Amino acid sequence: MKNYIPIPKRKEPKTTYEHFCKSVKMTCGLDLFKGLALTLKEFFSKKVTIHYPKEYIPLSPRYRAVHSLQRLLESGNERCIGCGLCEKICTSNCIRIITHKGDDKRKKIDSYTINLGRCIYCGLCAEVCPELAIVMGDRFENASLARAQYAGKPELLRPIDEAKTCTQLEFAGFGSVSAQADKALRPTPIVWDKPCEATLDSSAQPLERSQNAQGEA
C-alpha cells in the first residue's frame, strides 16, 4: 500500500451557486475554444470527401476487384483451358469449375462460378493461371441483397469489344518485371561509410589464432 498514490476525491457542488460556476466553467472553458478553433480550421481547409455515387475516385490500373475472364484478342475465343489451377489454389474455396472433354479431346468449360461472398480478392488465381485467362477487374460495386452472391461465366467473361478498349492492365505473369520497374527503384541510404574497426578486429582474431595453431602443429 505504500507504493500507491492516493487520489483526492472530486468535490461535488452542493449549492446552486457552485452548480452555476461549474456550468460556466465547463461551457466557457479553454477546451471549448480549442475545439472551436479546430472546427474553424477544418472548415476552410480543402475538402477530401466526394459525392458518391455521383463522383468516383480514379482507380489504379492494378486494382483488385471482381474477377474477369479474358479472351484472345485475335480470335475472340476464351483463354481459359479448364486446367483447374485457380480452383485448387483458392484459399477461400470459392471457385468452382465444371468441364468435359470435347470431340478434340480438349477440356470444355460447362460452368465457371465464383462465390463473391467468400472471396478475399487475394489475386492468387490470377497469379497461378498459365494462360492469363483470369484477372482482377475494376468492378467494385457488387452489393447484393443475397447473402451468397455468385458470379457465373456469362458475367465474368469480358466482351471482346470491351477487351480491346479497356484500360485495365493485363497481368503479365508471376515474377515478371514491369516496364516501369526501374523508375520504382529508390536508392538505399548507406549506413556505414567506412567498415567498423571493431568488426574487423574481431574477425581478424580467429584467423590469427588458427594460423598460430597451424604453425605450432
Protein backbone atom coordinates (compact mmCIF):
# COMPACT_ATOMS: atom_id res chain seq x y z
CA MET A 1 0.00 0.00 0.00
CA LYS A 2 2.98 2.32 0.38
CA ASN A 3 3.54 2.45 -3.38
CA TYR A 4 0.00 3.60 -4.13
CA ILE A 5 -0.62 7.30 -4.67
CA PRO A 6 -3.89 8.43 -3.12
CA ILE A 7 -6.11 10.43 -5.43
CA PRO A 8 -8.15 13.14 -3.75
CA LYS A 9 -11.86 12.82 -4.18
CA ARG A 10 -13.54 15.25 -6.52
CA LYS A 11 -15.52 17.92 -4.76
CA GLU A 12 -19.09 17.85 -5.90
CA PRO A 13 -21.02 21.16 -5.96
CA LYS A 14 -23.52 21.42 -3.19
CA THR A 15 -25.13 24.82 -3.54
CA THR A 16 -26.84 26.40 -6.52
CA TYR A 17 -24.05 28.91 -6.93
CA GLU A 18 -21.45 26.16 -7.11
CA HIS A 19 -23.51 24.36 -9.74
CA PHE A 20 -23.73 27.60 -11.74
CA CYS A 21 -19.97 28.20 -11.53
CA LYS A 22 -19.26 24.65 -12.67
CA SER A 23 -21.60 25.01 -15.65
CA VAL A 24 -20.00 28.31 -16.72
CA LYS A 25 -16.51 26.82 -16.39
CA MET A 26 -17.39 23.79 -18.49
CA THR A 27 -19.19 25.88 -21.11
CA CYS A 28 -16.71 28.73 -21.49
CA GLY A 29 -13.54 26.87 -20.61
CA LEU A 30 -10.36 26.64 -22.67
CA ASP A 31 -11.23 23.21 -24.04
CA LEU A 32 -14.29 24.62 -25.77
CA PHE A 33 -12.26 27.22 -27.65
CA LYS A 34 -9.71 24.58 -28.64
CA GLY A 35 -12.46 22.52 -30.22
CA LEU A 36 -13.95 25.54 -31.97
CA ALA A 37 -10.53 26.53 -33.31
CA LEU A 38 -10.04 23.05 -34.78
CA THR A 39 -13.51 23.14 -36.34
CA LEU A 40 -12.86 26.57 -37.85
CA LYS A 41 -9.52 25.40 -39.23
CA GLU A 42 -11.03 22.37 -40.95
CA PHE A 43 -13.91 24.47 -42.27
CA PHE A 44 -11.59 26.45 -44.57
CA SER A 45 -9.33 23.52 -45.48
CA LYS A 46 -9.53 21.59 -48.76
CA LYS A 47 -12.31 19.02 -48.96
CA VAL A 48 -11.25 15.39 -49.09
CA THR A 49 -14.67 13.79 -49.50
CA ILE A 50 -16.55 13.13 -52.72
CA HIS A 51 -20.25 12.88 -53.56
CA TYR A 52 -20.58 9.14 -54.08
CA PRO A 53 -22.15 7.63 -56.19
CA LYS A 54 -22.18 10.68 -58.48
CA GLU A 55 -18.41 11.02 -58.13
CA TYR A 56 -15.77 8.30 -58.16
CA ILE A 57 -12.15 8.14 -57.08
CA PRO A 58 -9.90 7.17 -60.01
CA LEU A 59 -8.82 3.55 -59.57
CA SER A 60 -5.35 2.16 -60.05
CA PRO A 61 -4.79 0.06 -63.20
CA ARG A 62 -3.83 -2.83 -60.91
CA TYR A 63 -6.89 -2.50 -58.66
CA ARG A 64 -8.16 -5.90 -57.47
CA ALA A 65 -11.94 -6.13 -57.60
CA VAL A 66 -14.39 -8.59 -59.17
CA HIS A 67 -12.68 -11.11 -61.43
CA SER A 68 -12.81 -11.05 -65.20
CA LEU A 69 -12.26 -13.88 -67.69
CA GLN A 70 -10.21 -12.75 -70.68
CA ARG A 71 -10.46 -13.52 -74.38
CA LEU A 72 -7.89 -13.84 -77.13
CA LEU A 73 -7.81 -10.50 -78.91
CA GLU A 74 -7.03 -12.12 -82.28
CA SER A 75 -9.87 -14.65 -82.41
CA GLY A 76 -12.14 -13.64 -79.54
CA ASN A 77 -12.09 -17.16 -78.08
CA GLU A 78 -11.86 -17.82 -74.37
CA ARG A 79 -8.41 -18.12 -72.89
CA CYS A 80 -9.41 -20.48 -70.11
CA ILE A 81 -8.38 -24.09 -70.81
CA GLY A 82 -10.13 -25.59 -67.78
CA CYS A 83 -6.95 -26.73 -66.02
CA GLY A 84 -8.46 -26.06 -62.58
CA LEU A 85 -5.35 -24.49 -61.03
CA CYS A 86 -7.29 -21.44 -59.87
CA GLU A 87 -9.80 -23.73 -58.14
CA LYS A 88 -7.02 -25.67 -56.40
CA ILE A 89 -5.03 -22.66 -55.17
CA CYS A 90 -8.04 -20.68 -53.95
CA THR A 91 -7.64 -20.27 -50.19
CA SER A 92 -11.30 -19.34 -49.73
CA ASN A 93 -12.56 -22.36 -51.69
CA CYS A 94 -14.93 -20.13 -53.64
CA ILE A 95 -14.14 -21.11 -57.26
CA ARG A 96 -16.00 -23.98 -58.93
CA ILE A 97 -15.24 -25.29 -62.44
CA ILE A 98 -17.18 -28.00 -64.29
CA THR A 99 -15.60 -29.28 -67.51
CA HIS A 100 -15.96 -32.09 -70.04
CA LYS A 101 -13.83 -33.42 -72.87
CA GLY A 102 -14.86 -32.37 -76.34
CA ASP A 103 -14.51 -34.16 -79.64
CA ASP A 104 -10.96 -32.82 -79.99
CA LYS A 105 -10.01 -34.35 -76.62
CA ARG A 106 -9.66 -30.89 -75.08
CA LYS A 107 -11.46 -29.68 -71.98
CA LYS A 108 -14.58 -27.61 -72.49
CA ILE A 109 -15.91 -25.43 -69.69
CA ASP A 110 -19.52 -26.07 -68.76
CA SER A 111 -19.70 -23.86 -65.68
CA TYR A 112 -17.34 -21.38 -64.02
CA THR A 113 -18.63 -19.73 -60.84
CA ILE A 114 -17.07 -17.64 -58.08
CA ASN A 115 -18.72 -17.09 -54.72
CA LEU A 116 -18.03 -13.39 -54.21
CA GLY A 117 -19.30 -13.59 -50.65
CA ARG A 118 -16.38 -15.81 -49.68
CA CYS A 119 -13.69 -14.38 -51.97
CA ILE A 120 -10.97 -12.34 -50.23
CA TYR A 121 -9.62 -10.91 -53.53
CA CYS A 122 -6.07 -12.10 -52.86
CA GLY A 123 -5.25 -12.48 -56.56
CA LEU A 124 -3.73 -15.97 -56.30
CA CYS A 125 -5.99 -17.26 -59.06
CA ALA A 126 -4.62 -14.61 -61.43
CA GLU A 127 -1.03 -15.41 -60.47
CA VAL A 128 -1.30 -19.17 -60.98
CA CYS A 129 -3.22 -19.08 -64.27
CA PRO A 130 -0.88 -20.36 -67.05
CA GLU A 131 -2.94 -18.75 -69.83
CA LEU A 132 -3.51 -15.39 -68.07
CA ALA A 133 -7.21 -16.11 -68.54
CA ILE A 134 -8.46 -14.66 -65.23
CA VAL A 135 -7.53 -11.22 -63.93
CA MET A 136 -8.72 -8.98 -61.13
CA GLY A 137 -11.05 -6.44 -62.69
CA ASP A 138 -12.09 -2.93 -61.69
CA ARG A 139 -15.80 -3.55 -60.95
CA PHE A 140 -16.15 -2.95 -57.22
CA GLU A 141 -19.88 -2.21 -56.96
CA ASN A 142 -21.15 -5.72 -56.30
CA ALA A 143 -23.56 -5.15 -53.42
CA SER A 144 -26.42 -7.62 -53.31
CA LEU A 145 -29.41 -8.44 -51.14
CA ALA A 146 -28.46 -12.12 -51.22
CA ARG A 147 -26.04 -13.38 -48.59
CA ALA A 148 -24.12 -15.52 -51.07
CA GLN A 149 -23.63 -13.74 -54.37
CA TYR A 150 -22.37 -15.92 -57.20
CA ALA A 151 -20.74 -14.68 -60.37
CA GLY A 152 -21.17 -17.04 -63.29
CA LYS A 153 -19.33 -17.37 -66.57
CA PRO A 154 -21.63 -15.01 -68.52
CA GLU A 155 -20.99 -12.23 -66.00
CA LEU A 156 -17.25 -12.85 -65.70
CA LEU A 157 -16.40 -13.27 -69.38
CA ARG A 158 -15.38 -9.91 -70.80
CA PRO A 159 -16.85 -8.95 -74.19
CA ILE A 160 -14.32 -8.72 -77.00
CA ASP A 161 -15.22 -5.10 -77.78
CA GLU A 162 -14.64 -4.09 -74.18
CA ALA A 163 -11.39 -6.08 -74.02
CA LYS A 164 -9.91 -4.11 -76.92
CA THR A 165 -10.77 -0.71 -75.44
CA CYS A 166 -10.30 -1.46 -71.72
CA THR A 167 -7.61 0.41 -69.78
CA GLN A 168 -7.19 -2.36 -67.22
CA LEU A 169 -3.61 -3.65 -67.28
CA GLU A 170 -3.28 -7.33 -68.00
CA PHE A 171 -1.43 -9.48 -65.50
CA ALA A 172 1.96 -10.27 -67.01
CA GLY A 173 2.57 -13.44 -65.01
CA PHE A 174 4.07 -14.24 -61.63
CA GLY A 175 7.62 -12.94 -61.19
CA SER A 176 7.54 -10.73 -64.28
CA VAL A 177 9.20 -7.31 -64.29
CA SER A 178 7.06 -4.38 -65.31
CA ALA A 179 8.17 -1.73 -67.77
CA GLN A 180 8.25 0.89 -65.01
CA ALA A 181 10.36 -1.21 -62.62
CA ASP A 182 13.46 0.99 -62.95
CA LYS A 183 11.51 4.14 -62.08
CA ALA A 184 10.14 2.48 -58.94
CA LEU A 185 13.62 1.80 -57.55
CA ARG A 186 14.88 4.10 -54.81
CA PRO A 187 18.49 4.49 -53.66
CA THR A 188 19.21 2.78 -50.37
CA PRO A 189 20.90 5.05 -47.77
CA ILE A 190 24.44 3.98 -46.90
CA VAL A 191 24.56 3.23 -43.18
CA TRP A 192 28.30 2.65 -42.90
CA ASP A 193 30.63 4.78 -44.99
CA LYS A 194 33.65 3.02 -43.51
CA PRO A 195 33.95 -0.52 -42.16
CA CYS A 196 33.74 -0.72 -38.41
CA GLU A 197 37.17 -1.23 -36.85
CA ALA A 198 35.77 -3.33 -34.02
CA THR A 199 34.23 -5.69 -36.55
CA LEU A 200 37.49 -6.03 -38.44
CA ASP A 201 39.45 -6.68 -35.24
CA SER A 202 37.00 -9.30 -34.02
CA SER A 203 37.02 -11.07 -37.40
CA ALA A 204 40.82 -10.98 -37.62
CA GLN A 205 41.43 -12.54 -34.19
CA PRO A 206 40.05 -16.02 -35.02
CA LEU A 207 42.09 -16.02 -38.24
CA GLU A 208 45.32 -15.22 -36.35
CA ARG A 209 44.57 -17.89 -33.77
CA SER A 210 44.01 -20.52 -36.46
CA GLN A 211 47.28 -19.57 -38.21
CA ASN A 212 49.22 -19.75 -34.93
CA ALA A 213 47.71 -23.14 -34.14
CA GLN A 214 48.71 -24.45 -37.56
CA GLY A 215 52.27 -23.12 -37.10
CA GLU A 216 52.65 -24.80 -33.71
CA ALA A 217 51.39 -28.07 -35.13
